[in-house]
C-alpha atoms as a PDB file:
ATOM      1  CA  MET A   1     177.533 -11.675 -49.496  1.00  0.00           C
ATOM      2  CA  THR A   2     175.180  -8.696 -49.735  1.00  0.00           C
ATOM      3  CA  GLY A   3     174.509  -8.970 -45.996  1.00  0.00           C
ATOM      4  CA  VAL A   4     178.240  -8.887 -45.249  1.00  0.00           C
ATOM      5  CA  PHE A   5     178.648  -5.855 -47.533  1.00  0.00           C
ATOM      6  CA  ARG A   6     175.820  -3.981 -45.778  1.00  0.00           C
ATOM      7  CA  ARG A   7     177.284  -4.598 -42.324  1.00  0.00           C
ATOM      8  CA  VAL A   8     181.019  -4.361 -43.043  1.00  0.00           C
ATOM      9  CA  VAL A   9     181.017  -1.602 -45.680  1.00  0.00           C
ATOM     10  CA  LEU A  10     177.690   0.242 -45.735  1.00  0.00           C
ATOM     11  CA  ALA A  11     177.167   0.589 -41.964  1.00  0.00           C
ATOM     12  CA  PRO A  12     180.617   2.165 -41.310  1.00  0.00           C
ATOM     13  CA  ALA A  13     180.073   4.384 -44.371  1.00  0.00           C
ATOM     14  CA  VAL A  14     176.837   5.709 -42.846  1.00  0.00           C
ATOM     15  CA  ILE A  15     178.650   6.540 -39.600  1.00  0.00           C
ATOM     16  CA  ALA A  16     181.498   8.226 -41.488  1.00  0.00           C
ATOM     17  CA  PHE A  17     179.045  10.270 -43.580  1.00  0.00           C
ATOM     18  CA  THR A  18     177.197  11.326 -40.426  1.00  0.00           C
ATOM     19  CA  VAL A  19     180.448  12.559 -38.868  1.00  0.00           C
ATOM     20  CA  LEU A  20     181.236  14.486 -42.070  1.00  0.00           C
ATOM     21  CA  LEU A  21     177.755  16.002 -42.107  1.00  0.00           C
ATOM     22  CA  LEU A  22     177.963  17.081 -38.464  1.00  0.00           C
ATOM     23  CA  THR A  23     181.392  18.659 -38.904  1.00  0.00           C
ATOM     24  CA  THR A  24     180.158  20.674 -41.895  1.00  0.00           C
ATOM     25  CA  VAL A  25     176.752  21.606 -40.477  1.00  0.00           C
ATOM     26  CA  PRO A  26     177.341  25.388 -40.719  1.00  0.00           C
ATOM     27  CA  LEU A  27     177.817  25.102 -44.491  1.00  0.00           C
ATOM     28  CA  TRP A  28     174.637  23.048 -44.919  1.00  0.00           C
ATOM     29  CA  LEU A  29     172.681  25.475 -42.743  1.00  0.00           C
ATOM     30  CA  ILE A  30     173.804  28.420 -44.859  1.00  0.00           C
ATOM     31  CA  LEU A  31     172.859  26.586 -48.061  1.00  0.00           C
ATOM     32  CA  ALA A  32     169.450  25.600 -46.674  1.00  0.00           C
ATOM     33  CA  ALA A  33     168.801  29.151 -45.468  1.00  0.00           C
ATOM     34  CA  VAL A  34     169.666  30.545 -48.908  1.00  0.00           C
ATOM     35  CA  LEU A  35     167.331  28.076 -50.633  1.00  0.00           C
ATOM     36  CA  SER A  36     164.419  28.481 -48.221  1.00  0.00           C
ATOM     37  CA  PRO A  37     163.050  31.767 -49.676  1.00  0.00           C
ATOM     38  CA  VAL A  38     163.028  30.371 -53.246  1.00  0.00           C
ATOM     39  CA  VAL A  39     161.589  26.924 -52.453  1.00  0.00           C
ATOM     40  CA  SER A  40     157.887  26.475 -51.847  1.00  0.00           C
ATOM     41  CA  GLY A  41     156.865  25.508 -48.334  1.00  0.00           C
ATOM     42  CA  ARG A  42     157.709  27.311 -45.122  1.00  0.00           C
ATOM     43  CA  LEU A  43     161.439  26.805 -44.448  1.00  0.00           C
ATOM     44  CA  ARG A  44     161.310  23.484 -46.293  1.00  0.00           C
ATOM     45  CA  PRO A  45     165.094  22.996 -46.828  1.00  0.00           C
ATOM     46  CA  LEU A  46     165.904  23.854 -43.200  1.00  0.00           C
ATOM     47  CA  ARG A  47     163.207  21.561 -41.825  1.00  0.00           C
ATOM     48  CA  LEU A  48     164.243  18.639 -44.015  1.00  0.00           C
ATOM     49  CA  LEU A  49     167.937  19.201 -43.262  1.00  0.00           C
ATOM     50  CA  TRP A  50     167.207  18.969 -39.533  1.00  0.00           C
ATOM     51  CA  LEU A  51     165.310  15.694 -39.982  1.00  0.00           C
ATOM     52  CA  ALA A  52     168.099  14.248 -42.123  1.00  0.00           C
ATOM     53  CA  ILE A  53     170.687  15.172 -39.484  1.00  0.00           C
ATOM     54  CA  MET A  54     168.547  13.679 -36.729  1.00  0.00           C
ATOM     55  CA  HIS A  55     167.899  10.444 -38.633  1.00  0.00           C
ATOM     56  CA  LEU A  56     171.543   9.906 -39.539  1.00  0.00           C
ATOM     57  CA  GLY A  57     172.660  10.796 -36.025  1.00  0.00           C
ATOM     58  CA  LEU A  58     170.223   8.356 -34.410  1.00  0.00           C
ATOM     59  CA  GLU A  59     171.027   5.660 -36.953  1.00  0.00           C
ATOM     60  CA  SER A  60     174.759   6.018 -36.340  1.00  0.00           C
ATOM     61  CA  ILE A  61     174.259   5.792 -32.570  1.00  0.00           C
ATOM     62  CA  MET A  62     172.151   2.669 -33.085  1.00  0.00           C
ATOM     63  CA  LEU A  63     174.784   1.047 -35.280  1.00  0.00           C
ATOM     64  CA  ILE A  64     177.450   1.656 -32.639  1.00  0.00           C
ATOM     65  CA  GLU A  65     175.151   0.243 -29.929  1.00  0.00           C
ATOM     66  CA  LEU A  66     174.340  -2.776 -32.082  1.00  0.00           C
ATOM     67  CA  PHE A  67     178.035  -3.448 -32.664  1.00  0.00           C
ATOM     68  CA  GLY A  68     178.615  -3.265 -28.918  1.00  0.00           C
ATOM     69  CA  LEU A  69     175.765  -5.738 -28.302  1.00  0.00           C
ATOM     70  CA  TRP A  70     177.279  -8.101 -30.864  1.00  0.00           C
ATOM     71  CA  ILE A  71     180.567  -8.057 -28.925  1.00  0.00           C
ATOM     72  CA  ALA A  72     178.786  -8.392 -25.553  1.00  0.00           C
ATOM     73  CA  SER A  73     176.817 -11.391 -26.808  1.00  0.00           C
ATOM     74  CA  GLY A  74     179.981 -13.371 -27.402  1.00  0.00           C
ATOM     75  CA  PHE A  75     180.513 -11.985 -30.918  1.00  0.00           C
ATOM     76  CA  GLY A  76     176.974 -12.961 -31.858  1.00  0.00           C
ATOM     77  CA  LEU A  77     176.910 -16.341 -30.121  1.00  0.00           C
ATOM     78  CA  PHE A  78     174.066 -15.407 -27.733  1.00  0.00           C
ATOM     79  CA  ILE A  79     172.559 -12.535 -29.731  1.00  0.00           C
ATOM     80  CA  ARG A  80     169.174 -14.292 -30.084  1.00  0.00           C
ATOM     81  CA  ARG A  81     168.738 -14.926 -26.373  1.00  0.00           C
ATOM     82  CA  PRO A  82     165.582 -13.307 -24.882  1.00  0.00           C
ATOM     83  CA  TRP A  83     167.484 -10.594 -22.991  1.00  0.00           C
ATOM     84  CA  PHE A  84     169.330  -9.414 -26.089  1.00  0.00           C
ATOM     85  CA  GLU A  85     166.122  -9.575 -28.121  1.00  0.00           C
ATOM     86  CA  ARG A  86     164.400  -7.289 -25.617  1.00  0.00           C
ATOM     87  CA  VAL A  87     167.297  -4.820 -25.748  1.00  0.00           C
ATOM     88  CA  HIS A  88     167.049  -4.694 -29.548  1.00  0.00           C
ATOM     89  CA  TYR A  89     163.336  -3.918 -29.328  1.00  0.00           C
ATOM     90  CA  ASP A  90     164.129  -1.181 -26.779  1.00  0.00           C
ATOM     91  CA  ILE A  91     166.686   0.367 -29.122  1.00  0.00           C
ATOM     92  CA  ALA A  92     164.213   0.363 -32.021  1.00  0.00           C
ATOM     93  CA  GLN A  93     161.465   1.834 -29.843  1.00  0.00           C
ATOM     94  CA  THR A  94     163.723   4.607 -28.536  1.00  0.00           C
ATOM     95  CA  TYR A  95     164.633   5.607 -32.098  1.00  0.00           C
ATOM     96  CA  LEU A  96     160.979   5.608 -33.157  1.00  0.00           C
ATOM     97  CA  ILE A  97     159.850   7.698 -30.176  1.00  0.00           C
ATOM     98  CA  ILE A  98     162.550  10.340 -30.610  1.00  0.00           C
ATOM     99  CA  PHE A  99     162.384  10.600 -34.390  1.00  0.00           C
ATOM    100  CA  PHE A 100     158.605  10.307 -34.657  1.00  0.00           C
ATOM    101  CA  ARG A 101     157.992  13.081 -32.126  1.00  0.00           C
ATOM    102  CA  GLU A 102     160.507  15.357 -33.793  1.00  0.00           C
ATOM    103  CA  ALA A 103     159.113  14.585 -37.264  1.00  0.00           C
ATOM    104  CA  ARG A 104     155.626  15.465 -36.072  1.00  0.00           C
ATOM    105  CA  ARG A 105     156.892  18.766 -34.702  1.00  0.00           C
ATOM    106  CA  VAL A 106     159.095  19.743 -37.642  1.00  0.00           C
ATOM    107  CA  LEU A 107     156.736  18.553 -40.381  1.00  0.00           C
ATOM    108  CA  ARG A 108     153.684  19.729 -38.417  1.00  0.00           C
ATOM    109  CA  LEU A 109     151.826  16.442 -38.529  1.00  0.00           C
ATOM    110  CA  LYS A 110     148.733  15.713 -36.492  1.00  0.00           C
ATOM    111  CA  ILE A 111     148.019  12.018 -35.827  1.00  0.00           C
ATOM    112  CA  VAL A 112     144.422  11.070 -35.075  1.00  0.00           C
ATOM    113  CA  THR A 113     143.545   7.494 -34.101  1.00  0.00           C
ATOM    114  CA  GLU A 114     140.131   5.883 -34.299  1.00  0.00           C
ATOM    115  CA  GLY A 115     139.048   2.509 -32.994  1.00  0.00           C
ATOM    116  CA  PRO A 116     140.122   0.349 -30.031  1.00  0.00           C
ATOM    117  CA  THR A 117     142.443   1.863 -27.444  1.00  0.00           C
ATOM    118  CA  PRO A 118     145.667   0.058 -26.457  1.00  0.00           C
ATOM    119  CA  ASP A 119     144.073  -1.482 -23.354  1.00  0.00           C
ATOM    120  CA  ALA A 120     141.594  -3.319 -25.589  1.00  0.00           C
ATOM    121  CA  PHE A 121     144.228  -5.983 -26.329  1.00  0.00           C
ATOM    122  CA  PRO A 122     145.436  -7.201 -22.912  1.00  0.00           C
ATOM    123  CA  GLY A 123     147.728 -10.217 -22.847  1.00  0.00           C
ATOM    124  CA  GLU A 124     146.883 -11.811 -26.176  1.00  0.00           C
ATOM    125  CA  PRO A 125     148.775 -12.263 -29.462  1.00  0.00           C
ATOM    126  CA  LEU A 126     147.639 -10.301 -32.494  1.00  0.00           C
ATOM    127  CA  LEU A 127     147.807 -10.631 -36.272  1.00  0.00           C
ATOM    128  CA  VAL A 128     147.980  -7.080 -37.647  1.00  0.00           C
ATOM    129  CA  CYS A 129     146.968  -6.528 -41.288  1.00  0.00           C
ATOM    130  CA  CYS A 130     147.772  -3.046 -42.550  1.00  0.00           C
ATOM    131  CA  ARG A 131     146.971  -1.130 -45.670  1.00  0.00           C
ATOM    132  CA  HIS A 132     150.170  -0.315 -47.596  1.00  0.00           C
ATOM    133  CA  ALA A 133     150.308   3.167 -49.090  1.00  0.00           C
ATOM    134  CA  GLY A 134     152.731   6.045 -49.127  1.00  0.00           C
ATOM    135  CA  PRO A 135     156.071   6.647 -47.409  1.00  0.00           C
ATOM    136  CA  GLY A 136     156.065   6.372 -43.667  1.00  0.00           C
ATOM    137  CA  ASP A 137     153.154   3.957 -43.234  1.00  0.00           C
ATOM    138  CA  SER A 138     155.314   1.128 -41.884  1.00  0.00           C
ATOM    139  CA  PHE A 139     157.206   3.658 -39.732  1.00  0.00           C
ATOM    140  CA  THR A 140     153.968   5.038 -38.239  1.00  0.00           C
ATOM    141  CA  LEU A 141     152.545   1.560 -37.642  1.00  0.00           C
ATOM    142  CA  MET A 142     155.673   0.320 -35.853  1.00  0.00           C
ATOM    143  CA  TYR A 143     155.681   3.433 -33.657  1.00  0.00           C
ATOM    144  CA  ALA A 144     152.031   2.880 -32.732  1.00  0.00           C
ATOM    145  CA  LEU A 145     152.440  -0.829 -31.995  1.00  0.00           C
ATOM    146  CA  MET A 146     155.541  -0.428 -29.861  1.00  0.00           C
ATOM    147  CA  HIS A 147     154.873   2.880 -28.096  1.00  0.00           C
ATOM    148  CA  TRP A 148     151.082   2.962 -27.759  1.00  0.00           C
ATOM    149  CA  TYR A 149     150.247  -0.744 -27.672  1.00  0.00           C
ATOM    150  CA  GLY A 150     153.377  -2.093 -25.947  1.00  0.00           C
ATOM    151  CA  ARG A 151     153.925  -4.797 -28.589  1.00  0.00           C
ATOM    152  CA  GLU A 152     156.974  -6.543 -29.988  1.00  0.00           C
ATOM    153  CA  PRO A 153     156.308  -6.640 -33.738  1.00  0.00           C
ATOM    154  CA  ARG A 154     157.199  -9.584 -35.929  1.00  0.00           C
ATOM    155  CA  VAL A 155     157.168  -8.011 -39.349  1.00  0.00           C
ATOM    156  CA  VAL A 156     157.225  -9.273 -42.928  1.00  0.00           C
ATOM    157  CA  LEU A 157     158.798  -6.730 -45.285  1.00  0.00           C
ATOM    158  CA  LYS A 158     160.551  -6.486 -48.626  1.00  0.00           C
ATOM    159  CA  ASP A 159     164.235  -7.377 -48.760  1.00  0.00           C
ATOM    160  CA  THR A 160     165.045  -4.022 -50.388  1.00  0.00           C
ATOM    161  CA  LEU A 161     164.531  -2.379 -46.966  1.00  0.00           C
ATOM    162  CA  ALA A 162     167.503  -4.363 -45.669  1.00  0.00           C
ATOM    163  CA  TRP A 163     169.745  -1.828 -47.430  1.00  0.00           C
ATOM    164  CA  ASP A 164     169.135   0.458 -44.466  1.00  0.00           C
ATOM    165  CA  PRO A 165     171.974  -0.752 -42.177  1.00  0.00           C
ATOM    166  CA  ALA A 166     170.140  -0.325 -38.864  1.00  0.00           C
ATOM    167  CA  ILE A 167     166.975  -2.029 -40.149  1.00  0.00           C
ATOM    168  CA  ASP A 168     169.111  -4.826 -41.562  1.00  0.00           C
ATOM    169  CA  VAL A 169     170.961  -5.489 -38.303  1.00  0.00           C
ATOM    170  CA  ILE A 170     168.021  -5.162 -35.902  1.00  0.00           C
ATOM    171  CA  LEU A 171     165.513  -7.191 -37.916  1.00  0.00           C
ATOM    172  CA  ASN A 172     168.025  -9.959 -38.494  1.00  0.00           C
ATOM    173  CA  ARG A 173     168.355 -10.298 -34.696  1.00  0.00           C
ATOM    174  CA  VAL A 174     164.640 -10.277 -33.782  1.00  0.00           C
ATOM    175  CA  PRO A 175     161.825 -12.384 -35.291  1.00  0.00           C
ATOM    176  CA  SER A 176     161.149 -10.960 -38.768  1.00  0.00           C
ATOM    177  CA  ARG A 177     161.420 -11.889 -42.438  1.00  0.00           C
ATOM    178  CA  PHE A 178     162.823 -10.035 -45.410  1.00  0.00           C
ATOM    179  CA  ILE A 179     160.838 -11.376 -48.362  1.00  0.00           C
ATOM    180  CA  SER A 180     162.398 -11.638 -51.811  1.00  0.00           C
ATOM    181  CA  GLY A 181     160.397 -11.388 -55.014  1.00  0.00           C
ATOM    182  CA  ARG A 182     162.190 -14.554 -56.096  1.00  0.00           C
ATOM    183  CA  PRO A 183     162.453 -16.808 -53.042  1.00  0.00           C
ATOM    184  CA  LYS A 184     164.852 -19.739 -53.065  1.00  0.00           C
ATOM    185  CA  THR A 185     163.566 -23.266 -53.507  1.00  0.00           C
ATOM    186  CA  GLY A 186     161.949 -24.453 -50.290  1.00  0.00           C
ATOM    187  CA  HIS A 187     161.594 -20.875 -49.009  1.00  0.00           C
ATOM    188  CA  ASP A 188     158.214 -19.921 -50.465  1.00  0.00           C
ATOM    189  CA  LEU A 189     156.383 -16.946 -49.005  1.00  0.00           C
ATOM    190  CA  GLU A 190     153.689 -18.910 -47.186  1.00  0.00           C
ATOM    191  CA  SER A 191     156.131 -21.216 -45.397  1.00  0.00           C
ATOM    192  CA  GLN A 192     158.284 -18.284 -44.254  1.00  0.00           C
ATOM    193  CA  ILE A 193     155.237 -16.447 -42.934  1.00  0.00           C
ATOM    194  CA  ALA A 194     153.906 -19.537 -41.161  1.00  0.00           C
ATOM    195  CA  GLU A 195     157.274 -20.034 -39.456  1.00  0.00           C
ATOM    196  CA  LEU A 196     157.363 -16.410 -38.292  1.00  0.00           C
ATOM    197  CA  ALA A 197     153.755 -16.461 -37.014  1.00  0.00           C
ATOM    198  CA  THR A 198     154.274 -19.634 -34.963  1.00  0.00           C
ATOM    199  CA  GLY A 199     154.625 -19.321 -31.196  1.00  0.00           C
ATOM    200  CA  LEU A 200     153.310 -15.784 -30.682  1.00  0.00           C
ATOM    201  CA  ASP A 201     153.130 -14.797 -27.006  1.00  0.00           C
ATOM    202  CA  GLU A 202     150.995 -12.285 -25.129  1.00  0.00           C
ATOM    203  CA  ASN A 203     152.892  -9.160 -26.223  1.00  0.00           C
ATOM    204  CA  ASP A 204     153.679 -10.156 -29.815  1.00  0.00           C
ATOM    205  CA  ALA A 205     152.103  -8.613 -32.904  1.00  0.00           C
ATOM    206  CA  PHE A 206     152.642 -10.336 -36.236  1.00  0.00           C
ATOM    207  CA  VAL A 207     152.509  -7.613 -38.927  1.00  0.00           C
ATOM    208  CA  ILE A 208     151.690  -8.227 -42.566  1.00  0.00           C
ATOM    209  CA  PHE A 209     150.734  -6.001 -45.512  1.00  0.00           C
ATOM    210  CA  PRO A 210     148.378  -8.151 -47.628  1.00  0.00           C
ATOM    211  CA  GLU A 211     148.581  -5.846 -50.658  1.00  0.00           C
ATOM    212  CA  GLY A 212     152.273  -6.667 -51.085  1.00  0.00           C
ATOM    213  CA  GLY A 213     153.313  -3.117 -51.981  1.00  0.00           C
ATOM    214  CA  ASN A 214     152.415   0.558 -51.855  1.00  0.00           C
ATOM    215  CA  PHE A 215     149.249   1.565 -53.672  1.00  0.00           C
ATOM    216  CA  THR A 216     149.627   3.176 -57.079  1.00  0.00           C
ATOM    217  CA  PRO A 217     147.090   3.293 -59.926  1.00  0.00           C
ATOM    218  CA  GLU A 218     149.427   1.188 -62.076  1.00  0.00           C
ATOM    219  CA  ARG A 219     149.839  -1.508 -59.424  1.00  0.00           C
ATOM    220  CA  ARG A 220     146.083  -1.552 -58.944  1.00  0.00           C
ATOM    221  CA  ARG A 221     145.608  -2.124 -62.675  1.00  0.00           C
ATOM    222  CA  ARG A 222     148.208  -4.915 -62.755  1.00  0.00           C
ATOM    223  CA  ALA A 223     146.658  -6.618 -59.728  1.00  0.00           C
ATOM    224  CA  ILE A 224     143.252  -6.667 -61.425  1.00  0.00           C
ATOM    225  CA  GLU A 225     144.758  -8.015 -64.652  1.00  0.00           C
ATOM    226  CA  LYS A 226     146.538 -10.774 -62.709  1.00  0.00           C
ATOM    227  CA  LEU A 227     143.284 -11.887 -61.113  1.00  0.00           C
ATOM    228  CA  ARG A 228     141.738 -12.139 -64.576  1.00  0.00           C
ATOM    229  CA  ARG A 229     144.713 -14.119 -65.918  1.00  0.00           C
ATOM    230  CA  LEU A 230     144.206 -16.578 -63.063  1.00  0.00           C
ATOM    231  CA  GLY A 231     140.556 -16.951 -64.014  1.00  0.00           C
ATOM    232  CA  LEU A 232     139.298 -15.173 -60.885  1.00  0.00           C
ATOM    233  CA  GLU A 233     136.806 -12.911 -62.621  1.00  0.00           C
ATOM    234  CA  ALA A 234     134.585 -12.376 -59.577  1.00  0.00           C
ATOM    235  CA  MET A 235     137.560 -11.184 -57.510  1.00  0.00           C
ATOM    236  CA  ALA A 236     138.726  -8.982 -60.377  1.00  0.00           C
ATOM    237  CA  ARG A 237     135.342  -7.246 -60.468  1.00  0.00           C
ATOM    238  CA  ARG A 238     135.471  -6.712 -56.702  1.00  0.00           C
ATOM    239  CA  ALA A 239     138.990  -5.301 -57.024  1.00  0.00           C
ATOM    240  CA  GLU A 240     137.790  -2.887 -59.727  1.00  0.00           C
ATOM    241  CA  ARG A 241     135.208  -1.470 -57.344  1.00  0.00           C
ATOM    242  CA  MET A 242     137.931  -0.686 -54.788  1.00  0.00           C
ATOM    243  CA  GLN A 243     139.442   2.642 -55.814  1.00  0.00           C
ATOM    244  CA  HIS A 244     141.912   3.337 -53.000  1.00  0.00           C
ATOM    245  CA  VAL A 245     143.479  -0.057 -52.194  1.00  0.00           C
ATOM    246  CA  LEU A 246     145.082  -2.934 -54.049  1.00  0.00           C
ATOM    247  CA  ALA A 247     143.407  -6.321 -54.180  1.00  0.00           C
ATOM    248  CA  PRO A 248     144.762  -8.214 -51.144  1.00  0.00           C
ATOM    249  CA  ARG A 249     146.949 -11.267 -51.687  1.00  0.00           C
ATOM    250  CA  PRO A 250     145.495 -13.831 -49.305  1.00  0.00           C
ATOM    251  CA  GLY A 251     148.283 -16.444 -49.225  1.00  0.00           C
ATOM    252  CA  GLY A 252     150.396 -14.839 -46.496  1.00  0.00           C
ATOM    253  CA  LEU A 253     147.514 -14.039 -44.176  1.00  0.00           C
ATOM    254  CA  LEU A 254     146.023 -17.523 -44.588  1.00  0.00           C
ATOM    255  CA  ALA A 255     149.374 -19.041 -43.615  1.00  0.00           C
ATOM    256  CA  ALA A 256     149.557 -16.771 -40.545  1.00  0.00           C
ATOM    257  CA  LEU A 257     145.993 -17.667 -39.498  1.00  0.00           C
ATOM    258  CA  ASP A 258     146.832 -21.372 -39.611  1.00  0.00           C
ATOM    259  CA  ALA A 259     150.109 -20.862 -37.729  1.00  0.00           C
ATOM    260  CA  ALA A 260     148.577 -18.706 -34.966  1.00  0.00           C
ATOM    261  CA  PRO A 261     145.102 -20.150 -34.276  1.00  0.00           C
ATOM    262  CA  GLU A 262     144.838 -18.324 -30.934  1.00  0.00           C
ATOM    263  CA  ALA A 263     145.453 -14.798 -32.292  1.00  0.00           C
ATOM    264  CA  ASP A 264     142.820 -12.152 -32.937  1.00  0.00           C
ATOM    265  CA  ILE A 265     143.017  -9.948 -36.034  1.00  0.00           C
ATOM    266  CA  VAL A 266     143.598  -6.204 -36.065  1.00  0.00           C
ATOM    267  CA  LEU A 267     143.015  -4.343 -39.326  1.00  0.00           C
ATOM    268  CA  VAL A 268     144.740  -0.977 -39.779  1.00  0.00           C
ATOM    269  CA  ALA A 269     144.077   1.718 -42.361  1.00  0.00           C
ATOM    270  CA  HIS A 270     145.400   5.241 -42.609  1.00  0.00           C
ATOM    271  CA  THR A 271     145.019   8.270 -44.789  1.00  0.00           C
ATOM    272  CA  GLY A 272     147.175  11.342 -45.137  1.00  0.00           C
ATOM    273  CA  LEU A 273     150.274   9.821 -46.724  1.00  0.00           C
ATOM    274  CA  ASP A 274     148.615   7.859 -49.508  1.00  0.00           C
ATOM    275  CA  HIS A 275     148.719  10.603 -52.146  1.00  0.00           C
ATOM    276  CA  LEU A 276     152.552  10.686 -52.096  1.00  0.00           C
ATOM    277  CA  LEU A 277     153.288   8.277 -54.945  1.00  0.00           C
ATOM    278  CA  THR A 278     156.560   9.585 -56.419  1.00  0.00           C
ATOM    279  CA  VAL A 279     159.716  11.342 -55.246  1.00  0.00           C
ATOM    280  CA  ALA A 280     158.337  14.512 -56.840  1.00  0.00           C
ATOM    281  CA  ASP A 281     155.149  14.145 -54.776  1.00  0.00           C
ATOM    282  CA  VAL A 282     157.157  13.786 -51.577  1.00  0.00           C
ATOM    283  CA  TRP A 283     159.281  16.858 -52.314  1.00  0.00           C
ATOM    284  CA  ARG A 284     156.263  18.943 -53.325  1.00  0.00           C
ATOM    285  CA  GLU A 285     154.216  18.039 -50.242  1.00  0.00           C
ATOM    286  CA  LEU A 286     156.916  18.196 -47.551  1.00  0.00           C
ATOM    287  CA  PRO A 287     156.817  19.839 -45.074  1.00  0.00           C
ATOM    288  CA  MET A 288     153.512  18.096 -44.624  1.00  0.00           C
ATOM    289  CA  ASP A 289     151.259  20.338 -42.503  1.00  0.00           C
ATOM    290  CA  LYS A 290     148.792  17.457 -42.664  1.00  0.00           C
ATOM    291  CA  GLN A 291     146.456  15.454 -40.505  1.00  0.00           C
ATOM    292  CA  ILE A 292     146.971  11.685 -40.592  1.00  0.00           C
ATOM    293  CA  ILE A 293     144.128   9.448 -39.468  1.00  0.00           C
ATOM    294  CA  MET A 294     144.762   5.851 -38.381  1.00  0.00           C
ATOM    295  CA  ARG A 295     141.783   3.522 -38.021  1.00  0.00           C
ATOM    296  CA  TRP A 296     141.988   0.250 -36.073  1.00  0.00           C
ATOM    297  CA  TRP A 297     139.441  -2.575 -36.234  1.00  0.00           C
ATOM    298  CA  ARG A 298     139.671  -5.579 -33.922  1.00  0.00           C
ATOM    299  CA  VAL A 299     138.194  -8.839 -35.221  1.00  0.00           C
ATOM    300  CA  PRO A 300     137.807 -11.614 -32.611  1.00  0.00           C
ATOM    301  CA  ARG A 301     139.131 -14.960 -33.782  1.00  0.00           C
ATOM    302  CA  ASN A 302     135.725 -16.609 -33.610  1.00  0.00           C
ATOM    303  CA  GLU A 303     134.504 -14.238 -36.337  1.00  0.00           C
ATOM    304  CA  ILE A 304     137.081 -15.547 -38.830  1.00  0.00           C
ATOM    305  CA  PRO A 305     135.666 -18.267 -41.138  1.00  0.00           C
ATOM    306  CA  ASP A 306     137.341 -21.687 -41.170  1.00  0.00           C
ATOM    307  CA  GLY A 307     137.454 -22.610 -44.863  1.00  0.00           C
ATOM    308  CA  ARG A 308     140.071 -21.211 -47.262  1.00  0.00           C
ATOM    309  CA  ASP A 309     137.542 -19.808 -49.749  1.00  0.00           C
ATOM    310  CA  ASP A 310     135.464 -18.288 -46.964  1.00  0.00           C
ATOM    311  CA  ARG A 311     138.566 -16.654 -45.476  1.00  0.00           C
ATOM    312  CA  ILE A 312     139.521 -15.169 -48.841  1.00  0.00           C
ATOM    313  CA  ASP A 313     135.995 -13.795 -49.229  1.00  0.00           C
ATOM    314  CA  TRP A 314     136.188 -12.388 -45.684  1.00  0.00           C
ATOM    315  CA  LEU A 315     139.521 -10.681 -46.444  1.00  0.00           C
ATOM    316  CA  PHE A 316     138.133  -9.074 -49.613  1.00  0.00           C
ATOM    317  CA  SER A 317     135.084  -7.888 -47.674  1.00  0.00           C
ATOM    318  CA  ARG A 318     137.291  -6.284 -45.043  1.00  0.00           C
ATOM    319  CA  TRP A 319     139.427  -4.612 -47.715  1.00  0.00           C
ATOM    320  CA  GLU A 320     136.241  -3.250 -49.298  1.00  0.00           C
ATOM    321  CA  GLN A 321     135.398  -1.814 -45.874  1.00  0.00           C
ATOM    322  CA  ILE A 322     138.837  -0.181 -45.699  1.00  0.00           C
ATOM    323  CA  ASP A 323     138.351   1.233 -49.208  1.00  0.00           C
ATOM    324  CA  ARG A 324     135.057   2.836 -48.168  1.00  0.00           C
ATOM    325  CA  TRP A 325     136.642   4.253 -45.017  1.00  0.00           C
ATOM    326  CA  ILE A 326     139.475   5.833 -47.030  1.00  0.00           C
ATOM    327  CA  ALA A 327     136.964   7.397 -49.436  1.00  0.00           C
ATOM    328  CA  GLU A 328     135.246   9.025 -46.462  1.00  0.00           C
ATOM    329  CA  HIS A 329     138.473  10.273 -44.841  1.00  0.00           C
ATOM    330  CA  ARG A 330     140.560  12.027 -47.447  1.00  0.00           C
ATOM    331  CA  PRO A 331     143.780  13.875 -46.445  1.00  0.00           C
ATOM    332  CA  VAL A 332     143.193  17.110 -44.539  1.00  0.00           C
ATOM    333  CA  ASP A 333     145.526  20.133 -44.651  1.00  0.00           C
ATOM    334  CA  LEU A 334     146.044  21.795 -41.286  1.00  0.00           C
ATOM    335  CA  PRO A 335     145.120  25.487 -41.041  1.00  0.00           C
ATOM    336  CA  VAL A 336     147.930  27.859 -41.912  1.00  0.00           C
ATOM    337  CA  ARG A 337     149.640  29.207 -38.850  1.00  0.00           C
ATOM    338  CA  LYS A 338     149.310  32.908 -38.381  1.00  0.00           C
ATOM    339  CA  ALA A 339     152.479  34.817 -37.706  1.00  0.00           C
ATOM    340  CA  LYS A 340     152.814  36.029 -34.121  1.00  0.00           C
ATOM    341  CA  ARG A 341     152.780  39.765 -33.610  1.00  0.00           C
END
């Protein structure tokens, strides 16, 4: 029933709110202009207002397009056919390109990438394991995979993100999984991940966040305590030595490795957004004026151990490598722009 509510009630409400916002834009602009001199950050209210308008406008256009595709597919009868799937990926990519470029301009973000270039992965499926920290990490990763690497992501994400109407509709029509903290009987996490990772083709990228949630000091502490409760003292000690990441949960990745034996691994880490832990942090730091660094590591399949315990040890070793990389690449503020004379 929640899915029906999101699509029948919430999606039209988003469109209606967007129309209301657009018709009252002059009032919001005046309010933002009045607040700008008294709020820290250069023109922060105006910059954030513009991004909010752009996001809601693009989301509303997407929802209308998605409704039209549902009708064109025989009221959903053929919506999962390859042609319709490709169109849904195109819609998502168009949104990401437009919004991401505008966000970089308005928030003054500089994205630096390190590691393999897109042409390093020609015609082969990938399992992408990403560090999970800060708002916008999933957004940035999806943009990179689709726009730079030409991939169709199959993503595992929390079911709370389905409350965004466009995300809900698109990801329920392409291969993906919304994971609940309390899965139904017979729908455990590993089996859902294995099903999603099966049958990857040459332009697919299966995306998983092994930490299971954004990094916070409290989540790090709880993850270490859980390892100790399970009697995994050696892993708990390794997790304590990692200061910038959570201890990875290996179950999902192990299931994906078994389901996609032909796929190489790509590890992704980033820094620049990871210090934004609360709503107050986000408000204080935006507009960003930051440099974000994304680091990619490709691991050929023949370098992945075969045994379960060896794979878990390998995953922890790689996460320790990511932790060291983050320690060496802390967030960088961009130089303050000088006013033009």
